[in-house]
C-alpha atoms as a PDB file:
ATOM      1  CA  MET A   1     -43.001  31.943  26.610  1.00  0.00           C
ATOM      2  CA  ARG A   2     -42.723  33.795  23.314  1.00  0.00           C
ATOM      3  CA  ASN A   3     -38.998  32.965  23.015  1.00  0.00           C
ATOM      4  CA  GLU A   4     -39.819  29.310  23.635  1.00  0.00           C
ATOM      5  CA  LYS A   5     -42.252  29.279  20.664  1.00  0.00           C
ATOM      6  CA  LYS A   6     -39.671  30.950  18.443  1.00  0.00           C
ATOM      7  CA  ARG A   7     -37.054  28.403  19.472  1.00  0.00           C
ATOM      8  CA  ARG A   8     -39.408  25.492  18.741  1.00  0.00           C
ATOM      9  CA  ARG A   9     -40.288  26.940  15.324  1.00  0.00           C
ATOM     10  CA  PHE A  10     -36.629  27.481  14.559  1.00  0.00           C
ATOM     11  CA  ASP A  11     -35.776  23.935  15.654  1.00  0.00           C
ATOM     12  CA  ALA A  12     -38.573  22.488  13.511  1.00  0.00           C
ATOM     13  CA  LEU A  13     -37.457  24.537  10.536  1.00  0.00           C
ATOM     14  CA  ALA A  14     -33.817  23.528  11.042  1.00  0.00           C
ATOM     15  CA  TRP A  15     -34.753  19.831  11.268  1.00  0.00           C
ATOM     16  CA  GLY A  16     -36.917  20.117   8.164  1.00  0.00           C
ATOM     17  CA  VAL A  17     -34.209  21.835   6.120  1.00  0.00           C
ATOM     18  CA  GLY A  18     -31.675  19.294   7.366  1.00  0.00           C
ATOM     19  CA  ALA A  19     -33.900  16.373   6.378  1.00  0.00           C
ATOM     20  CA  MET A  20     -34.532  17.820   2.917  1.00  0.00           C
ATOM     21  CA  THR A  21     -30.817  18.466   2.414  1.00  0.00           C
ATOM     22  CA  ALA A  22     -29.970  14.904   3.439  1.00  0.00           C
ATOM     23  CA  ALA A  23     -32.579  13.533   1.028  1.00  0.00           C
ATOM     24  CA  VAL A  24     -31.221  15.597  -1.866  1.00  0.00           C
ATOM     25  CA  LEU A  25     -27.649  14.533  -1.102  1.00  0.00           C
ATOM     26  CA  PHE A  26     -28.698  10.886  -0.862  1.00  0.00           C
ATOM     27  CA  VAL A  27     -30.427  10.978  -4.254  1.00  0.00           C
ATOM     28  CA  ASP A  28     -27.485  12.857  -5.803  1.00  0.00           C
ATOM     29  CA  ALA A  29     -25.008  10.323  -4.394  1.00  0.00           C
ATOM     30  CA  ALA A  30     -27.090   7.395  -5.616  1.00  0.00           C
ATOM     31  CA  GLN A  31     -27.232   8.829  -9.128  1.00  0.00           C
ATOM     32  CA  ALA A  32     -23.548   9.729  -9.079  1.00  0.00           C
ATOM     33  CA  GLU A  33     -22.568   6.177  -8.161  1.00  0.00           C
ATOM     34  CA  SER A  34     -24.691   4.569 -10.863  1.00  0.00           C
ATOM     35  CA  LYS A  35     -22.666   2.155 -12.932  1.00  0.00           C
ATOM     36  CA  GLN A  36     -25.051   2.046 -15.889  1.00  0.00           C
ATOM     37  CA  PHE A  37     -25.143   4.843 -18.419  1.00  0.00           C
ATOM     38  CA  ARG A  38     -27.289   5.465 -21.489  1.00  0.00           C
ATOM     39  CA  LEU A  39     -25.396   5.622 -24.742  1.00  0.00           C
ATOM     40  CA  ASP A  40     -28.293   6.766 -26.873  1.00  0.00           C
ATOM     41  CA  HIS A  41     -26.594   8.776 -29.586  1.00  0.00           C
ATOM     42  CA  PRO A  42     -25.816   6.555 -32.604  1.00  0.00           C
ATOM     43  CA  ARG A  43     -23.460   9.028 -34.293  1.00  0.00           C
ATOM     44  CA  TYR A  44     -21.380   9.402 -31.126  1.00  0.00           C
ATOM     45  CA  VAL A  45     -21.245   5.638 -30.562  1.00  0.00           C
ATOM     46  CA  GLU A  46     -20.333   5.030 -34.213  1.00  0.00           C
ATOM     47  CA  GLU A  47     -17.680   7.758 -34.544  1.00  0.00           C
ATOM     48  CA  CYS A  48     -15.975   7.465 -31.188  1.00  0.00           C
ATOM     49  CA  GLY A  49     -16.687   3.789 -30.633  1.00  0.00           C
ATOM     50  CA  SER A  50     -14.910   2.892 -33.874  1.00  0.00           C
ATOM     51  CA  CYS A  51     -11.524   3.400 -32.148  1.00  0.00           C
ATOM     52  CA  HIS A  52     -12.287   2.937 -28.446  1.00  0.00           C
ATOM     53  CA  VAL A  53     -15.262   2.429 -26.187  1.00  0.00           C
ATOM     54  CA  ALA A  54     -17.675   5.351 -26.487  1.00  0.00           C
ATOM     55  CA  TYR A  55     -17.224   6.704 -22.992  1.00  0.00           C
ATOM     56  CA  PRO A  56     -20.455   7.722 -21.265  1.00  0.00           C
ATOM     57  CA  PRO A  57     -20.742  11.512 -21.533  1.00  0.00           C
ATOM     58  CA  GLN A  58     -21.481  11.701 -17.797  1.00  0.00           C
ATOM     59  CA  LEU A  59     -17.864  10.737 -17.047  1.00  0.00           C
ATOM     60  CA  LEU A  60     -16.439  14.140 -17.999  1.00  0.00           C
ATOM     61  CA  SER A  61     -17.605  17.688 -17.458  1.00  0.00           C
ATOM     62  CA  ALA A  62     -18.929  19.817 -20.336  1.00  0.00           C
ATOM     63  CA  GLU A  63     -15.724  21.873 -20.241  1.00  0.00           C
ATOM     64  CA  SER A  64     -13.647  18.711 -20.554  1.00  0.00           C
ATOM     65  CA  TRP A  65     -15.724  17.417 -23.471  1.00  0.00           C
ATOM     66  CA  ARG A  66     -15.317  20.787 -25.224  1.00  0.00           C
ATOM     67  CA  ALA A  67     -11.546  20.499 -24.867  1.00  0.00           C
ATOM     68  CA  VAL A  68     -11.588  16.923 -26.188  1.00  0.00           C
ATOM     69  CA  MET A  69     -13.800  17.813 -29.144  1.00  0.00           C
ATOM     70  CA  ASN A  70     -11.759  20.910 -29.997  1.00  0.00           C
ATOM     71  CA  GLY A  71      -8.592  18.817 -30.111  1.00  0.00           C
ATOM     72  CA  LEU A  72      -9.727  15.939 -32.323  1.00  0.00           C
ATOM     73  CA  ASP A  73      -7.019  16.688 -34.887  1.00  0.00           C
ATOM     74  CA  ARG A  74      -4.488  15.726 -32.197  1.00  0.00           C
ATOM     75  CA  HIS A  75      -6.611  13.327 -30.121  1.00  0.00           C
ATOM     76  CA  PHE A  76      -4.100  11.729 -27.745  1.00  0.00           C
ATOM     77  CA  GLY A  77      -1.560  11.312 -30.525  1.00  0.00           C
ATOM     78  CA  THR A  78      -4.011  10.497 -33.314  1.00  0.00           C
ATOM     79  CA  ASP A  79      -5.852  12.574 -35.884  1.00  0.00           C
ATOM     80  CA  ALA A  80      -9.491  11.821 -35.082  1.00  0.00           C
ATOM     81  CA  ALA A  81     -10.942  14.838 -36.899  1.00  0.00           C
ATOM     82  CA  ILE A  82     -14.512  14.443 -38.171  1.00  0.00           C
ATOM     83  CA  ASP A  83     -16.650  16.524 -40.518  1.00  0.00           C
ATOM     84  CA  ALA A  84     -18.216  19.724 -39.222  1.00  0.00           C
ATOM     85  CA  ALA A  85     -21.780  18.373 -39.029  1.00  0.00           C
ATOM     86  CA  ALA A  86     -20.730  15.302 -37.026  1.00  0.00           C
ATOM     87  CA  HIS A  87     -18.539  17.475 -34.814  1.00  0.00           C
ATOM     88  CA  ALA A  88     -21.365  19.885 -33.996  1.00  0.00           C
ATOM     89  CA  ASP A  89     -23.847  17.060 -33.387  1.00  0.00           C
ATOM     90  CA  ILE A  90     -21.556  15.048 -31.106  1.00  0.00           C
ATOM     91  CA  ALA A  91     -20.305  18.124 -29.238  1.00  0.00           C
ATOM     92  CA  ALA A  92     -23.900  19.162 -28.495  1.00  0.00           C
ATOM     93  CA  TYR A  93     -24.744  15.659 -27.256  1.00  0.00           C
ATOM     94  CA  LEU A  94     -21.701  15.517 -24.976  1.00  0.00           C
ATOM     95  CA  ALA A  95     -22.321  18.998 -23.546  1.00  0.00           C
ATOM     96  CA  ALA A  96     -25.992  18.249 -22.885  1.00  0.00           C
ATOM     97  CA  ASN A  97     -25.198  14.966 -21.113  1.00  0.00           C
ATOM     98  CA  ALA A  98     -21.923  15.826 -19.377  1.00  0.00           C
ATOM     99  CA  GLY A  99     -21.193  15.094 -15.760  1.00  0.00           C
ATOM    100  CA  THR A 100     -20.771  17.674 -13.036  1.00  0.00           C
ATOM    101  CA  PRO A 101     -17.412  19.369 -12.461  1.00  0.00           C
ATOM    102  CA  ARG A 102     -17.882  18.717  -8.731  1.00  0.00           C
ATOM    103  CA  LYS A 103     -17.648  14.972  -9.299  1.00  0.00           C
ATOM    104  CA  PHE A 104     -15.176  14.732 -12.146  1.00  0.00           C
ATOM    105  CA  GLY A 105     -13.245  17.983 -12.068  1.00  0.00           C
ATOM    106  CA  ALA A 106     -13.651  20.711 -14.625  1.00  0.00           C
ATOM    107  CA  THR A 107     -10.495  20.227 -16.644  1.00  0.00           C
ATOM    108  CA  ALA A 108      -9.695  16.498 -16.903  1.00  0.00           C
ATOM    109  CA  LYS A 109      -9.397  15.547 -20.579  1.00  0.00           C
ATOM    110  CA  ARG A 110      -9.238  11.846 -19.877  1.00  0.00           C
ATOM    111  CA  VAL A 111     -11.783   9.810 -17.959  1.00  0.00           C
ATOM    112  CA  THR A 112      -8.832   8.060 -16.322  1.00  0.00           C
ATOM    113  CA  GLU A 113      -7.664  11.406 -14.854  1.00  0.00           C
ATOM    114  CA  THR A 114     -10.878  12.105 -12.940  1.00  0.00           C
ATOM    115  CA  ARG A 115     -11.261  11.819  -9.167  1.00  0.00           C
ATOM    116  CA  TRP A 116     -14.157   9.447  -9.759  1.00  0.00           C
ATOM    117  CA  PHE A 117     -12.039   7.061 -11.851  1.00  0.00           C
ATOM    118  CA  ALA A 118      -9.220   7.074  -9.302  1.00  0.00           C
ATOM    119  CA  ARG A 119     -11.634   6.294  -6.468  1.00  0.00           C
ATOM    120  CA  GLU A 120     -13.396   3.531  -8.417  1.00  0.00           C
ATOM    121  CA  HIS A 121     -10.157   1.848  -9.485  1.00  0.00           C
ATOM    122  CA  ASP A 122      -7.920   2.385  -6.460  1.00  0.00           C
ATOM    123  CA  GLU A 123      -7.865  -1.347  -5.679  1.00  0.00           C
ATOM    124  CA  VAL A 124      -6.675  -2.380  -9.159  1.00  0.00           C
ATOM    125  CA  PRO A 125      -3.026  -3.441  -8.934  1.00  0.00           C
ATOM    126  CA  ALA A 126      -0.612  -1.576 -11.230  1.00  0.00           C
ATOM    127  CA  HIS A 127       0.375  -4.776 -13.039  1.00  0.00           C
ATOM    128  CA  VAL A 128      -3.190  -5.205 -14.349  1.00  0.00           C
ATOM    129  CA  TRP A 129      -2.947  -1.992 -16.401  1.00  0.00           C
ATOM    130  CA  LYS A 130       0.266  -3.298 -18.009  1.00  0.00           C
ATOM    131  CA  ARG A 131      -1.103  -6.680 -19.112  1.00  0.00           C
ATOM    132  CA  PRO A 132      -1.046  -7.182 -22.907  1.00  0.00           C
ATOM    133  CA  ASP A 133      -4.809  -7.785 -22.930  1.00  0.00           C
ATOM    134  CA  VAL A 134      -5.459  -4.552 -20.977  1.00  0.00           C
ATOM    135  CA  LYS A 135      -2.652  -2.189 -22.117  1.00  0.00           C
ATOM    136  CA  SER A 136      -3.972   0.876 -20.273  1.00  0.00           C
ATOM    137  CA  ALA A 137      -6.577   2.176 -17.872  1.00  0.00           C
ATOM    138  CA  ALA A 138      -8.439   3.641 -20.858  1.00  0.00           C
ATOM    139  CA  ASN A 139      -9.308   0.164 -22.152  1.00  0.00           C
ATOM    140  CA  CYS A 140     -12.566  -0.183 -20.218  1.00  0.00           C
ATOM    141  CA  GLY A 141     -13.699  -3.211 -22.211  1.00  0.00           C
ATOM    142  CA  ALA A 142     -10.779  -5.280 -20.903  1.00  0.00           C
ATOM    143  CA  CYS A 143     -12.535  -5.611 -17.541  1.00  0.00           C
ATOM    144  CA  HIS A 144     -16.041  -4.193 -18.042  1.00  0.00           C
ATOM    145  CA  THR A 145     -17.522  -6.770 -20.407  1.00  0.00           C
ATOM    146  CA  GLN A 146     -20.556  -4.616 -21.233  1.00  0.00           C
ATOM    147  CA  ALA A 147     -18.768  -1.248 -21.492  1.00  0.00           C
ATOM    148  CA  GLU A 148     -19.837  -0.799 -25.118  1.00  0.00           C
ATOM    149  CA  ARG A 149     -23.433  -0.739 -23.837  1.00  0.00           C
ATOM    150  CA  GLY A 150     -22.654   1.759 -21.075  1.00  0.00           C
ATOM    151  CA  ASP A 151     -22.864  -0.906 -18.344  1.00  0.00           C
ATOM    152  CA  TYR A 152     -20.007  -0.695 -15.866  1.00  0.00           C
ATOM    153  CA  SER A 153     -21.763  -2.601 -13.080  1.00  0.00           C
ATOM    154  CA  GLU A 154     -19.789  -5.040 -10.977  1.00  0.00           C
ATOM    155  CA  ARG A 155     -21.879  -8.017 -12.098  1.00  0.00           C
ATOM    156  CA  ASN A 156     -20.261  -7.684 -15.549  1.00  0.00           C
ATOM    157  CA  LEU A 157     -16.754  -7.040 -14.243  1.00  0.00           C
ATOM    158  CA  ARG A 158     -14.005  -9.544 -15.117  1.00  0.00           C
ATOM    159  CA  VAL A 159     -10.574  -8.316 -14.053  1.00  0.00           C
ATOM    160  CA  PRO A 160      -7.850 -10.256 -15.901  1.00  0.00           C
ATOM    161  CA  ARG A 161      -5.628 -12.310 -13.623  1.00  0.00           C
ATOM    162  CA  ARG A 162      -1.949 -13.126 -13.980  1.00  0.00           C
END
């Protein structure tokens, strides 16, 4: 009789922990798959958005953003160096709002090199990336018409056709 009570308590505890774990994973997955991001740092949007879309900070890990920021003098073949105050401000913003290494990988320096990007864009034919109006996978605005606002939702998606 006593073992039966222990087993029932254990079963109830196991079911409760399982339900809580499932709820946490569901919420985490829902947030991770969000296609709308806040771009609420004017200096970041102005500095980085002057050459390319200001990528949402959640799309790279803090370690990746540190590597990007520490290499601005040779930023993918361009000198994108900024003054020390802007550098410190933007680096702090990116680190505070970075994505998780679990989702994006800890060392990707390009959003297009993350597991998330590959999974989200696996159905895009190779010829689309080579179109003159797209040029590369890094040109988010070619398909995501509201990318400059941090909105990558499918309702604003217009993939160029041949």
